[in-house]
Amino acid sequence: MNDDVVVKTIADEQAPDGPEFELAPPDGLSECERAIRWSPLPPVVLSPQPERFQFSLLTILFLTFFAAIGLAGHNSISPPAFAGTLGLVVLFCLMWSVVQPPKSYYGLLALWGLILAYVSAIVAALAWGLA
C-alpha cells in the first residue's frame, strides 16, 4: 500500500471526536480554492482606441492647391469679382452638401478646399483694394 494515501475507515467516522485525519481532495485544494482557481474569467473587452488624426502629404498638397487657386484667380478678372464668383460657387456647394453630404474623405476635403480658396480669394481682394 502507498504511504502517501490516507484511507478513512468506518471506525474513524464512528469515533465520538470525529475522524482522526481529514482527507484532502484529490487535487490538494479546498472547495474555496478550487472555486477561485477554476472560475471562468470574464471576457476581456478592449475599447477601440480613437484614431489619431494626422495630415498626409496628399492632404496638404490638396489644400495648398486650393489656396493657390484662391490667391491666383485674380489674374484673369478683378479680385472682388473673382471672390464674389467663388463665393457663389461655395454657397452652392454648401447648400448641396446639406442635401447630399460628402461620404468620402476626398469629397469632404474638396469642400474644405473650396472654402479655403474662397477665404484666400477674399484676402487677396482685400489686399488688392488696399494697394
Protein backbone atom coordinates (compact mmCIF):
# COMPACT_ATOMS: atom_id res chain seq x y z
CA MET A 1 0.00 0.00 0.00
CA ASN A 2 1.17 3.55 -0.82
CA ASP A 3 2.17 5.59 2.26
CA ASP A 4 1.00 8.90 0.73
CA VAL A 5 -2.66 7.89 0.65
CA VAL A 6 -4.68 8.15 3.85
CA VAL A 7 -7.67 5.86 3.98
CA LYS A 8 -10.71 6.76 6.03
CA THR A 9 -12.12 3.83 7.87
CA ILE A 10 -15.55 3.17 9.28
CA ALA A 11 -14.11 3.27 12.78
CA ASP A 12 -12.84 6.84 12.16
CA GLU A 13 -16.29 8.02 11.14
CA GLN A 14 -17.91 6.43 14.18
CA ALA A 15 -15.44 7.87 16.67
CA PRO A 16 -17.01 10.35 19.10
CA ASP A 17 -14.42 13.07 18.38
CA GLY A 18 -14.72 12.68 14.60
CA PRO A 19 -12.12 11.27 12.25
CA GLU A 20 -8.50 11.44 13.31
CA PHE A 21 -7.35 12.59 9.87
CA GLU A 22 -9.21 14.86 7.46
CA LEU A 23 -8.75 13.82 3.86
CA ALA A 24 -7.80 16.47 1.31
CA PRO A 25 -9.45 16.48 -2.09
CA PRO A 26 -7.54 14.65 -4.84
CA ASP A 27 -6.09 17.84 -6.30
CA GLY A 28 -4.94 19.16 -2.91
CA LEU A 29 -7.23 22.19 -2.99
CA SER A 30 -10.08 23.08 -0.69
CA GLU A 31 -13.55 23.82 -2.04
CA CYS A 32 -12.93 27.58 -1.89
CA GLU A 33 -9.52 27.36 -3.56
CA ARG A 34 -10.95 25.18 -6.30
CA ALA A 35 -13.82 27.65 -6.88
CA ILE A 36 -11.41 30.58 -7.09
CA ARG A 37 -8.85 28.83 -9.25
CA TRP A 38 -11.29 27.28 -11.74
CA SER A 39 -13.84 30.06 -12.01
CA PRO A 40 -14.11 31.29 -15.59
CA LEU A 41 -12.51 34.67 -16.14
CA PRO A 42 -14.68 37.43 -17.54
CA PRO A 43 -14.02 38.11 -21.21
CA VAL A 44 -11.57 40.88 -21.91
CA VAL A 45 -13.27 43.73 -23.74
CA LEU A 46 -10.91 46.16 -25.39
CA SER A 47 -12.32 49.55 -26.12
CA PRO A 48 -11.36 50.82 -29.56
CA GLN A 49 -8.70 53.49 -29.45
CA PRO A 50 -9.69 56.72 -31.16
CA GLU A 51 -7.75 57.26 -34.31
CA ARG A 52 -5.17 59.98 -34.06
CA PHE A 53 -5.76 62.47 -36.83
CA GLN A 54 -2.71 63.20 -38.91
CA PHE A 55 -2.40 65.07 -42.18
CA SER A 56 -0.98 63.15 -45.08
CA LEU A 57 1.21 64.74 -47.71
CA LEU A 58 -1.60 64.38 -50.25
CA THR A 59 -3.98 66.29 -47.96
CA ILE A 60 -1.56 69.16 -47.50
CA LEU A 61 -0.85 69.34 -51.25
CA PHE A 62 -4.59 69.31 -51.98
CA LEU A 63 -5.27 72.20 -49.58
CA THR A 64 -2.26 74.11 -50.93
CA PHE A 65 -3.68 73.69 -54.44
CA PHE A 66 -6.98 75.30 -53.42
CA ALA A 67 -5.22 78.11 -51.55
CA ALA A 68 -3.17 78.82 -54.69
CA ILE A 69 -6.33 78.92 -56.80
CA GLY A 70 -7.84 81.45 -54.42
CA LEU A 71 -4.74 83.64 -54.47
CA ALA A 72 -4.04 83.39 -58.21
CA GLY A 73 -7.61 83.66 -59.50
CA HIS A 74 -7.46 87.45 -59.78
CA ASN A 75 -5.05 87.26 -62.73
CA SER A 76 -7.91 86.82 -65.23
CA ILE A 77 -10.58 89.04 -63.63
CA SER A 78 -10.58 91.61 -60.84
CA PRO A 79 -10.11 90.16 -57.33
CA PRO A 80 -13.51 91.34 -55.96
CA ALA A 81 -15.32 89.78 -58.94
CA PHE A 82 -13.34 86.55 -58.55
CA ALA A 83 -14.07 86.44 -54.79
CA GLY A 84 -17.77 87.05 -55.47
CA THR A 85 -17.93 84.34 -58.14
CA LEU A 86 -16.07 81.89 -55.92
CA GLY A 87 -18.39 82.85 -53.05
CA LEU A 88 -21.43 81.89 -55.13
CA VAL A 89 -19.79 78.56 -56.03
CA VAL A 90 -19.02 77.89 -52.35
CA LEU A 91 -22.55 78.85 -51.34
CA PHE A 92 -23.99 76.43 -53.91
CA CYS A 93 -21.62 73.67 -52.76
CA LEU A 94 -22.53 74.23 -49.10
CA MET A 95 -26.24 74.04 -49.89
CA TRP A 96 -25.63 70.88 -51.89
CA SER A 97 -23.60 69.35 -49.02
CA VAL A 98 -26.58 69.86 -46.70
CA VAL A 99 -28.81 67.93 -49.11
CA GLN A 100 -26.18 65.35 -50.08
CA PRO A 101 -23.31 65.26 -47.54
CA PRO A 102 -19.97 64.06 -48.91
CA LYS A 103 -19.45 60.43 -47.98
CA SER A 104 -15.78 60.08 -48.80
CA TYR A 105 -12.79 61.72 -47.21
CA TYR A 106 -11.77 63.32 -50.50
CA GLY A 107 -15.24 64.80 -51.05
CA LEU A 108 -15.07 66.43 -47.64
CA LEU A 109 -11.53 67.59 -48.39
CA ALA A 110 -12.69 69.15 -51.68
CA LEU A 111 -15.45 71.02 -49.84
CA TRP A 112 -12.98 72.39 -47.29
CA GLY A 113 -10.60 73.18 -50.14
CA LEU A 114 -13.26 75.31 -51.85
CA ILE A 115 -13.90 77.15 -48.59
CA LEU A 116 -10.15 77.72 -48.22
CA ALA A 117 -9.94 79.03 -51.81
CA TYR A 118 -12.83 81.42 -51.07
CA VAL A 119 -11.18 82.74 -47.90
CA SER A 120 -7.85 83.20 -49.66
CA ALA A 121 -9.65 84.99 -52.55
CA ILE A 122 -11.22 87.36 -50.03
CA VAL A 123 -7.79 88.03 -48.51
CA ALA A 124 -6.37 88.67 -51.99
CA ALA A 125 -9.27 91.03 -52.82
CA LEU A 126 -8.75 92.94 -49.57
CA ALA A 127 -5.00 93.19 -50.23
CA TRP A 128 -5.68 94.34 -53.82
CA GLY A 129 -8.07 97.02 -52.52
CA LEU A 130 -5.52 98.31 -50.01
CA ALA A 131 -2.71 98.52 -52.56
